[in-house]
């Protein structure tokens, strides 16, 4: 799978841009704030139908202009496919595959798999459980359509149940039979979600451990545990046991939407006891395991996006990473960096095909190509 071309119009800080890509390494270099990461975000759009950084589509339109458009041409199994994403203020997002608009954006997820490694990955350690659930869900959704549909349905039912609990509070009333209707739906979708997540982690964790040993070069033991209250009792029984608490706070306090991942190093909390270097190795191992897992499931090498990686890793880890992704197990790679000389020197030694683009305030010039 190769992203051959990308076209942007009014996207973030770009008036217009046309790029053609190399099948291996594509590097965007320039000072901070010039728009390098925006190019990666445009690529993320064509895979996930949304931005990696900003979930409000209209905020990705340049300044006060009325719309943005992204077009991409991807060669998959020898056939070129055209993807189009258009966002106009006050209108529904348009997303097309080979000029045919999707009825539901979920139909597109997983067709062109992608893994993004970014400085914001640190949120997986420092932020709340929602970020870690999204990490799991984004991986599973790229290969399991049934899971994605269950997740969408579960979130819809959850919203309805929460609205009902709020209504009970405001009206000072309670109707157990109406609540039970939503509970039944939560149970149907929720138990399937937990089962799929558990199965996913059984396969994912060995890949994660292997990648951590490679990146860190150490014998430290790392662990990744799935924390879910549904492991100890049925969801139906759990909902019954927490109804008093749910009524008191006016929302659903238990279920897959509260699950978490527990990160540990040598049996201790990664957040509290690991050094910055150990945390970076842990996060990088997670993302490399994500790549390997999706590749095995989809039988396709995902696009790999590396945002500002050199400045976030020490030289040893960075060289190990480039050495790894240069191999046949990885496909097309997109990198941002602030130093063109450093990147060019790296790839001259590496002997891999590459293109380097200079990015300057929304303007793009080809700097070097091999």
Protein backbone atom coordinates (compact mmCIF):
# COMPACT_ATOMS: atom_id res chain seq x y z
CA UNK A 1 0.00 0.00 0.00
CA UNK A 2 1.55 3.28 -1.18
CA UNK A 3 0.27 6.83 -0.87
CA UNK A 4 1.22 8.17 -4.29
CA UNK A 5 -0.12 11.74 -4.22
CA UNK A 6 -1.72 14.21 -1.85
CA UNK A 7 -3.58 17.43 -2.67
CA UNK A 8 -4.60 20.09 -0.12
CA UNK A 9 -6.81 23.15 -0.43
CA UNK A 10 -7.36 25.61 2.45
CA UNK A 11 -6.24 23.00 4.99
CA UNK A 12 -4.82 24.49 8.19
CA UNK A 13 -1.95 26.79 7.09
CA UNK A 14 -1.96 25.63 3.44
CA UNK A 15 -3.64 27.62 0.66
CA UNK A 16 -2.85 24.85 -1.79
CA UNK A 17 -0.33 22.00 -1.94
CA UNK A 18 0.41 19.14 -4.32
CA UNK A 19 2.83 16.39 -3.29
CA UNK A 20 4.08 13.18 -4.87
CA UNK A 21 5.61 10.58 -2.58
CA UNK A 22 8.39 8.03 -2.54
CA UNK A 23 7.40 4.41 -1.75
CA UNK A 24 9.71 4.32 1.30
CA UNK A 25 10.77 7.47 3.24
CA UNK A 26 9.14 10.88 2.88
CA UNK A 27 10.55 13.62 5.08
CA UNK A 28 9.10 17.05 5.82
CA UNK A 29 11.72 19.39 7.26
CA UNK A 30 11.58 22.98 8.49
CA UNK A 31 11.32 25.11 11.59
CA UNK A 32 8.62 24.58 14.16
CA UNK A 33 5.23 26.05 13.29
CA UNK A 34 5.75 25.91 9.52
CA UNK A 35 3.17 23.18 8.79
CA UNK A 36 5.13 19.91 8.78
CA UNK A 37 2.79 18.17 11.20
CA UNK A 38 -0.23 19.51 9.29
CA UNK A 39 0.84 17.34 6.34
CA UNK A 40 0.85 14.27 8.56
CA UNK A 41 -2.58 15.25 9.85
CA UNK A 42 -3.92 15.45 6.29
CA UNK A 43 -2.68 11.88 5.74
CA UNK A 44 -4.37 10.86 8.99
CA UNK A 45 -7.65 12.27 7.64
CA UNK A 46 -7.59 9.97 4.60
CA UNK A 47 -7.26 6.91 6.84
CA UNK A 48 -9.50 7.76 9.80
CA UNK A 49 -11.84 10.41 8.28
CA UNK A 50 -10.73 12.84 11.00
CA UNK A 51 -7.82 14.83 12.39
CA UNK A 52 -5.34 13.27 14.80
CA UNK A 53 -5.18 16.53 16.75
CA UNK A 54 -8.51 18.38 16.48
CA UNK A 55 -11.86 16.61 16.42
CA UNK A 56 -13.73 19.76 15.29
CA UNK A 57 -13.42 19.61 11.49
CA UNK A 58 -14.29 23.26 10.84
CA UNK A 59 -11.33 24.37 12.96
CA UNK A 60 -9.00 22.76 10.40
CA UNK A 61 -10.16 25.19 7.67
CA UNK A 62 -7.58 27.89 6.98
CA UNK A 63 -8.42 31.21 8.69
CA UNK A 64 -11.87 32.52 7.67
CA UNK A 65 -12.14 30.59 4.40
CA UNK A 66 -15.39 28.67 3.70
CA UNK A 67 -14.04 25.12 3.28
CA UNK A 68 -11.07 22.74 3.06
CA UNK A 69 -10.50 19.76 0.77
CA UNK A 70 -8.05 16.87 0.92
CA UNK A 71 -7.54 14.45 -1.97
CA UNK A 72 -5.29 11.41 -1.96
CA UNK A 73 -4.39 8.68 -4.40
CA UNK A 74 -3.38 5.38 -2.82
CA UNK A 75 -2.05 2.35 -4.67
CA UNK A 76 -3.23 -0.83 -2.98
CA UNK A 77 -2.47 -4.23 -4.50
CA UNK A 78 -1.59 -2.60 -7.82
CA UNK A 79 -4.78 -0.56 -8.10
CA UNK A 80 -5.00 3.21 -7.46
CA UNK A 81 -7.87 4.48 -5.32
CA UNK A 82 -8.95 8.10 -4.91
CA UNK A 83 -10.02 9.41 -1.50
CA UNK A 84 -11.67 12.79 -0.99
CA UNK A 85 -12.49 14.65 2.21
CA UNK A 86 -14.28 17.99 2.10
CA UNK A 87 -15.45 20.15 4.99
CA UNK A 88 -17.60 23.25 4.46
CA UNK A 89 -18.61 25.48 7.34
CA UNK A 90 -22.13 24.71 8.50
CA UNK A 91 -22.38 21.56 6.36
CA UNK A 92 -21.92 17.84 6.88
CA UNK A 93 -18.44 16.47 6.14
CA UNK A 94 -18.15 14.86 2.70
CA UNK A 95 -16.02 11.73 2.41
CA UNK A 96 -15.71 9.86 -0.89
CA UNK A 97 -13.97 6.71 -2.07
CA UNK A 98 -13.42 6.53 -5.84
CA UNK A 99 -15.91 9.43 -6.20
CA UNK A 100 -18.67 7.59 -4.29
CA UNK A 101 -19.77 9.20 -1.03
CA UNK A 102 -20.04 7.03 2.07
CA UNK A 103 -23.37 6.73 3.85
CA UNK A 104 -21.46 6.08 7.09
CA UNK A 105 -17.85 7.07 7.72
CA UNK A 106 -17.32 3.82 9.68
CA UNK A 107 -17.36 1.99 6.32
CA UNK A 108 -14.01 3.58 5.48
CA UNK A 109 -12.15 2.76 8.71
CA UNK A 110 -9.55 0.04 8.19
CA UNK A 111 -9.34 0.23 4.40
CA UNK A 112 -6.05 2.15 4.53
CA UNK A 113 -4.50 1.38 7.93
CA UNK A 114 -2.18 3.90 9.54
CA UNK A 115 -0.09 4.26 12.69
CA UNK A 116 0.93 7.68 14.00
CA UNK A 117 3.82 8.14 16.46
CA UNK A 118 3.75 11.61 17.94
CA UNK A 119 5.00 13.61 20.97
CA UNK A 120 1.36 13.68 22.10
CA UNK A 121 1.61 9.92 22.76
CA UNK A 122 2.80 10.90 26.24
CA UNK A 123 -0.90 11.50 26.97
CA UNK A 124 -1.29 7.72 27.08
CA UNK A 125 0.68 7.80 30.33
CA UNK A 126 -0.33 11.12 31.86
CA UNK A 127 -3.96 11.61 30.82
CA UNK A 128 -7.14 9.85 31.91
CA UNK A 129 -8.45 6.43 30.98
CA UNK A 130 -10.34 7.71 27.92
CA UNK A 131 -7.07 8.17 26.01
CA UNK A 132 -6.00 4.58 26.69
CA UNK A 133 -9.41 3.20 25.71
CA UNK A 134 -9.22 5.13 22.45
CA UNK A 135 -5.81 3.59 21.82
CA UNK A 136 -7.30 0.09 22.11
CA UNK A 137 -10.43 0.97 20.18
CA UNK A 138 -8.57 2.59 17.28
CA UNK A 139 -6.49 -0.56 16.75
CA UNK A 140 -9.37 -3.03 16.98
CA UNK A 141 -11.65 -0.88 14.79
CA UNK A 142 -9.16 -1.02 11.91
CA UNK A 143 -9.63 -4.78 11.49
CA UNK A 144 -12.92 -5.65 13.22
CA UNK A 145 -16.01 -3.99 11.71
CA UNK A 146 -18.36 -5.80 14.11
CA UNK A 147 -16.48 -4.30 17.06
CA UNK A 148 -16.67 -0.81 15.59
CA UNK A 149 -20.43 -1.14 15.10
CA UNK A 150 -20.84 -2.43 18.67
CA UNK A 151 -18.80 0.50 19.98
CA UNK A 152 -20.88 3.05 18.07
CA UNK A 153 -24.13 1.40 19.23
CA UNK A 154 -22.92 1.18 22.84
CA UNK A 155 -22.01 4.88 22.94
CA UNK A 156 -25.42 5.79 21.53
CA UNK A 157 -27.25 3.70 24.15
CA UNK A 158 -25.02 5.13 26.89
CA UNK A 159 -26.00 8.67 25.89
CA UNK A 160 -29.69 7.72 26.03
CA UNK A 161 -29.35 6.08 29.44
CA UNK A 162 -27.47 9.08 30.83
CA UNK A 163 -30.12 11.45 29.45
CA UNK A 164 -32.80 9.36 31.15
CA UNK A 165 -30.97 9.41 34.50
CA UNK A 166 -30.68 13.20 34.23
CA UNK A 167 -34.37 13.44 33.40
CA UNK A 168 -35.25 11.34 36.47
CA UNK A 169 -33.25 13.74 38.63
CA UNK A 170 -34.81 16.87 37.17
CA UNK A 171 -38.37 15.52 37.39
CA UNK A 172 -37.79 13.82 40.75
CA UNK A 173 -39.20 10.61 39.33
CA UNK A 174 -37.95 7.10 38.55
CA UNK A 175 -39.14 4.43 36.09
CA UNK A 176 -37.19 1.18 36.45
CA UNK A 177 -38.88 -0.45 33.44
CA UNK A 178 -37.80 2.32 31.03
CA UNK A 179 -34.27 2.21 32.42
CA UNK A 180 -34.19 -1.56 31.99
CA UNK A 181 -34.78 -1.18 28.24
CA UNK A 182 -31.52 0.75 27.92
CA UNK A 183 -29.76 -1.59 30.37
CA UNK A 184 -30.52 -4.58 28.15
CA UNK A 185 -28.94 -2.84 25.16
CA UNK A 186 -25.89 -1.80 27.20
CA UNK A 187 -25.40 -5.41 28.29
CA UNK A 188 -25.68 -6.79 24.73
CA UNK A 189 -23.09 -4.39 23.29
CA UNK A 190 -20.93 -3.90 26.39
CA UNK A 191 -20.13 -7.54 27.12
CA UNK A 192 -19.11 -8.05 23.49
CA UNK A 193 -16.79 -5.03 23.69
CA UNK A 194 -15.02 -6.32 26.80
CA UNK A 195 -14.64 -9.81 25.31
CA UNK A 196 -13.07 -8.43 22.12
CA UNK A 197 -10.73 -6.10 24.03
CA UNK A 198 -9.54 -9.01 26.22
CA UNK A 199 -8.88 -11.20 23.19
CA UNK A 200 -7.04 -8.35 21.46
CA UNK A 201 -4.71 -7.83 24.42
CA UNK A 202 -3.92 -11.55 24.63
CA UNK A 203 -2.44 -11.23 21.12
CA UNK A 204 -1.06 -7.70 21.49
CA UNK A 205 0.94 -8.03 24.72
CA UNK A 206 3.58 -10.50 23.39
CA UNK A 207 4.25 -8.13 20.46
CA UNK A 208 4.55 -5.22 22.88
CA UNK A 209 7.03 -7.07 25.12
CA UNK A 210 9.17 -8.04 22.13
CA UNK A 211 9.31 -4.45 20.83
CA UNK A 212 10.15 -3.05 24.26
CA UNK A 213 13.16 -5.35 24.58
CA UNK A 214 14.35 -4.27 21.13
CA UNK A 215 13.95 -0.52 21.68
CA UNK A 216 15.26 -0.39 25.26
CA UNK A 217 18.02 -2.98 24.80
CA UNK A 218 17.41 -3.99 28.41
CA UNK A 219 16.07 -6.96 30.35
CA UNK A 220 13.53 -4.84 32.25
CA UNK A 221 10.12 -6.45 32.52
CA UNK A 222 7.13 -4.43 31.38
CA UNK A 223 3.46 -5.25 31.68
CA UNK A 224 0.16 -4.10 30.29
CA UNK A 225 -3.05 -5.03 32.13
CA UNK A 226 -6.66 -4.56 31.09
CA UNK A 227 -8.74 -3.24 33.97
CA UNK A 228 -12.48 -3.87 33.63
CA UNK A 229 -15.13 -4.35 36.32
CA UNK A 230 -16.91 -6.71 33.92
CA UNK A 231 -14.20 -9.29 34.49
CA UNK A 232 -15.56 -10.06 37.97
CA UNK A 233 -19.32 -10.09 37.33
CA UNK A 234 -21.88 -9.85 34.54
CA UNK A 235 -22.73 -6.40 33.23
CA UNK A 236 -26.39 -6.88 34.11
CA UNK A 237 -25.52 -7.60 37.76
CA UNK A 238 -23.09 -4.68 37.77
CA UNK A 239 -25.72 -2.23 36.52
CA UNK A 240 -28.16 -3.43 39.17
CA UNK A 241 -25.56 -3.04 41.92
CA UNK A 242 -24.71 0.54 40.93
CA UNK A 243 -28.18 1.94 40.21
CA UNK A 244 -28.21 3.91 43.46
CA UNK A 245 -24.90 5.59 42.62
CA UNK A 246 -25.99 6.23 39.01
CA UNK A 247 -29.16 7.95 40.18
CA UNK A 248 -27.20 10.08 42.64
CA UNK A 249 -24.71 11.39 40.07
CA UNK A 250 -27.12 11.30 37.06
CA UNK A 251 -24.91 9.20 34.74
CA UNK A 252 -23.75 5.61 34.21
CA UNK A 253 -20.78 4.98 36.48
CA UNK A 254 -19.72 1.51 35.35
CA UNK A 255 -19.12 -0.41 32.15
CA UNK A 256 -16.67 -0.63 29.23
CA UNK A 257 -16.67 3.18 28.95
CA UNK A 258 -14.83 3.24 32.29
CA UNK A 259 -12.25 0.53 31.49
CA UNK A 260 -8.54 1.28 31.58
CA UNK A 261 -5.07 -0.03 30.76
CA UNK A 262 -2.52 -0.26 33.57
CA UNK A 263 1.08 0.40 32.46
CA UNK A 264 3.85 -1.05 34.64
CA UNK A 265 7.64 -1.31 34.57
CA UNK A 266 9.32 -3.87 36.84
CA UNK A 267 5.99 -4.21 38.66
CA UNK A 268 5.73 -0.48 39.43
CA UNK A 269 3.58 2.28 37.95
CA UNK A 270 5.11 3.58 34.72
CA UNK A 271 3.74 7.06 35.43
CA UNK A 272 5.18 7.32 38.94
CA UNK A 273 8.44 5.37 38.86
CA UNK A 274 9.80 5.20 35.27
CA UNK A 275 12.42 7.60 33.90
CA UNK A 276 11.67 9.70 30.82
CA UNK A 277 13.78 7.34 28.73
CA UNK A 278 11.89 4.30 30.01
CA UNK A 279 8.56 6.00 29.33
CA UNK A 280 9.64 6.85 25.78
CA UNK A 281 10.72 3.25 25.16
CA UNK A 282 7.40 2.01 26.55
CA UNK A 283 5.35 4.30 24.30
CA UNK A 284 7.43 3.52 21.23
CA UNK A 285 7.04 -0.22 21.90
CA UNK A 286 3.25 0.25 22.16
CA UNK A 287 3.12 1.96 18.78
CA UNK A 288 5.44 -0.51 17.06
CA UNK A 289 3.34 -3.36 18.44
CA UNK A 290 0.28 -1.56 17.09
CA UNK A 291 1.90 -1.48 13.64
CA UNK A 292 2.85 -5.15 13.74
CA UNK A 293 -0.54 -6.24 15.05
CA UNK A 294 -2.50 -4.37 12.34
CA UNK A 295 -0.12 -5.60 9.64
CA UNK A 296 -0.70 -9.21 10.71
CA UNK A 297 -4.49 -8.78 10.86
CA UNK A 298 -4.91 -6.80 7.63
CA UNK A 299 -2.08 -8.50 5.68
CA UNK A 300 -1.09 -4.95 4.68
CA UNK A 301 1.74 -2.75 5.91
CA UNK A 302 0.11 0.36 7.45
CA UNK A 303 1.36 3.83 6.61
CA UNK A 304 3.73 4.91 9.40
CA UNK A 305 3.79 8.57 10.47
CA UNK A 306 6.65 9.76 12.71
CA UNK A 307 6.11 13.27 14.03
CA UNK A 308 9.11 15.10 15.50
CA UNK A 309 10.61 11.82 16.66
CA UNK A 310 14.28 12.79 16.67
CA UNK A 311 13.79 15.51 19.28
CA UNK A 312 11.77 13.18 21.50
CA UNK A 313 14.15 10.20 21.51
CA UNK A 314 17.82 9.96 22.33
CA UNK A 315 20.20 9.21 19.43
CA UNK A 316 20.47 5.49 20.25
CA UNK A 317 16.71 4.89 20.28
CA UNK A 318 16.24 6.99 17.14
CA UNK A 319 18.84 5.02 15.19
CA UNK A 320 17.28 1.76 16.34
CA UNK A 321 13.88 2.98 15.19
CA UNK A 322 15.10 4.04 11.73
CA UNK A 323 17.06 0.80 11.41
CA UNK A 324 13.87 -1.13 12.20
CA UNK A 325 11.48 0.75 9.89
CA UNK A 326 13.98 0.61 7.01
CA UNK A 327 13.49 -3.15 6.82
CA UNK A 328 11.07 -5.13 4.69
CA UNK A 329 8.62 -5.52 7.59
CA UNK A 330 7.69 -1.85 7.20
CA UNK A 331 6.29 -0.03 4.18
CA UNK A 332 5.91 3.68 3.47
CA UNK A 333 7.10 6.07 6.19
CA UNK A 334 6.47 9.82 6.68
CA UNK A 335 8.78 11.80 8.99
CA UNK A 336 8.90 15.38 10.24
CA UNK A 337 12.13 16.95 11.50
CA UNK A 338 13.67 20.38 12.02
CA UNK A 339 17.10 19.62 10.47
CA UNK A 340 17.36 18.76 6.73
CA UNK A 341 21.10 18.02 6.98
CA UNK A 342 20.56 15.53 9.80
CA UNK A 343 17.81 13.71 7.91
CA UNK A 344 19.75 13.63 4.62
CA UNK A 345 22.88 12.30 6.32
CA UNK A 346 20.81 9.62 8.04
CA UNK A 347 19.31 8.32 4.80
CA UNK A 348 22.54 8.53 2.82
CA UNK A 349 23.95 6.06 5.36
CA UNK A 350 20.73 4.06 5.33
CA UNK A 351 20.62 3.49 1.54
CA UNK A 352 16.82 3.60 1.45
CA UNK A 353 14.82 5.54 -1.19
CA UNK A 354 13.72 8.92 0.16
CA UNK A 355 12.34 12.37 -0.65
CA UNK A 356 12.98 15.41 1.53
CA UNK A 357 10.57 18.34 1.34
CA UNK A 358 11.38 21.76 2.80
CA UNK A 359 8.30 23.24 4.48
CA UNK A 360 8.14 26.99 5.09
CA UNK A 361 4.90 28.56 6.32
CA UNK A 362 2.62 26.48 4.11
CA UNK A 363 4.98 26.46 1.12
CA UNK A 364 6.64 23.18 0.04
CA UNK A 365 9.80 22.71 -2.00
CA UNK A 366 11.54 19.45 -2.87
CA UNK A 367 14.99 19.52 -1.28
CA UNK A 368 16.46 16.12 -2.11
CA UNK A 369 15.36 12.86 -3.73
CA UNK A 370 17.02 9.44 -4.02
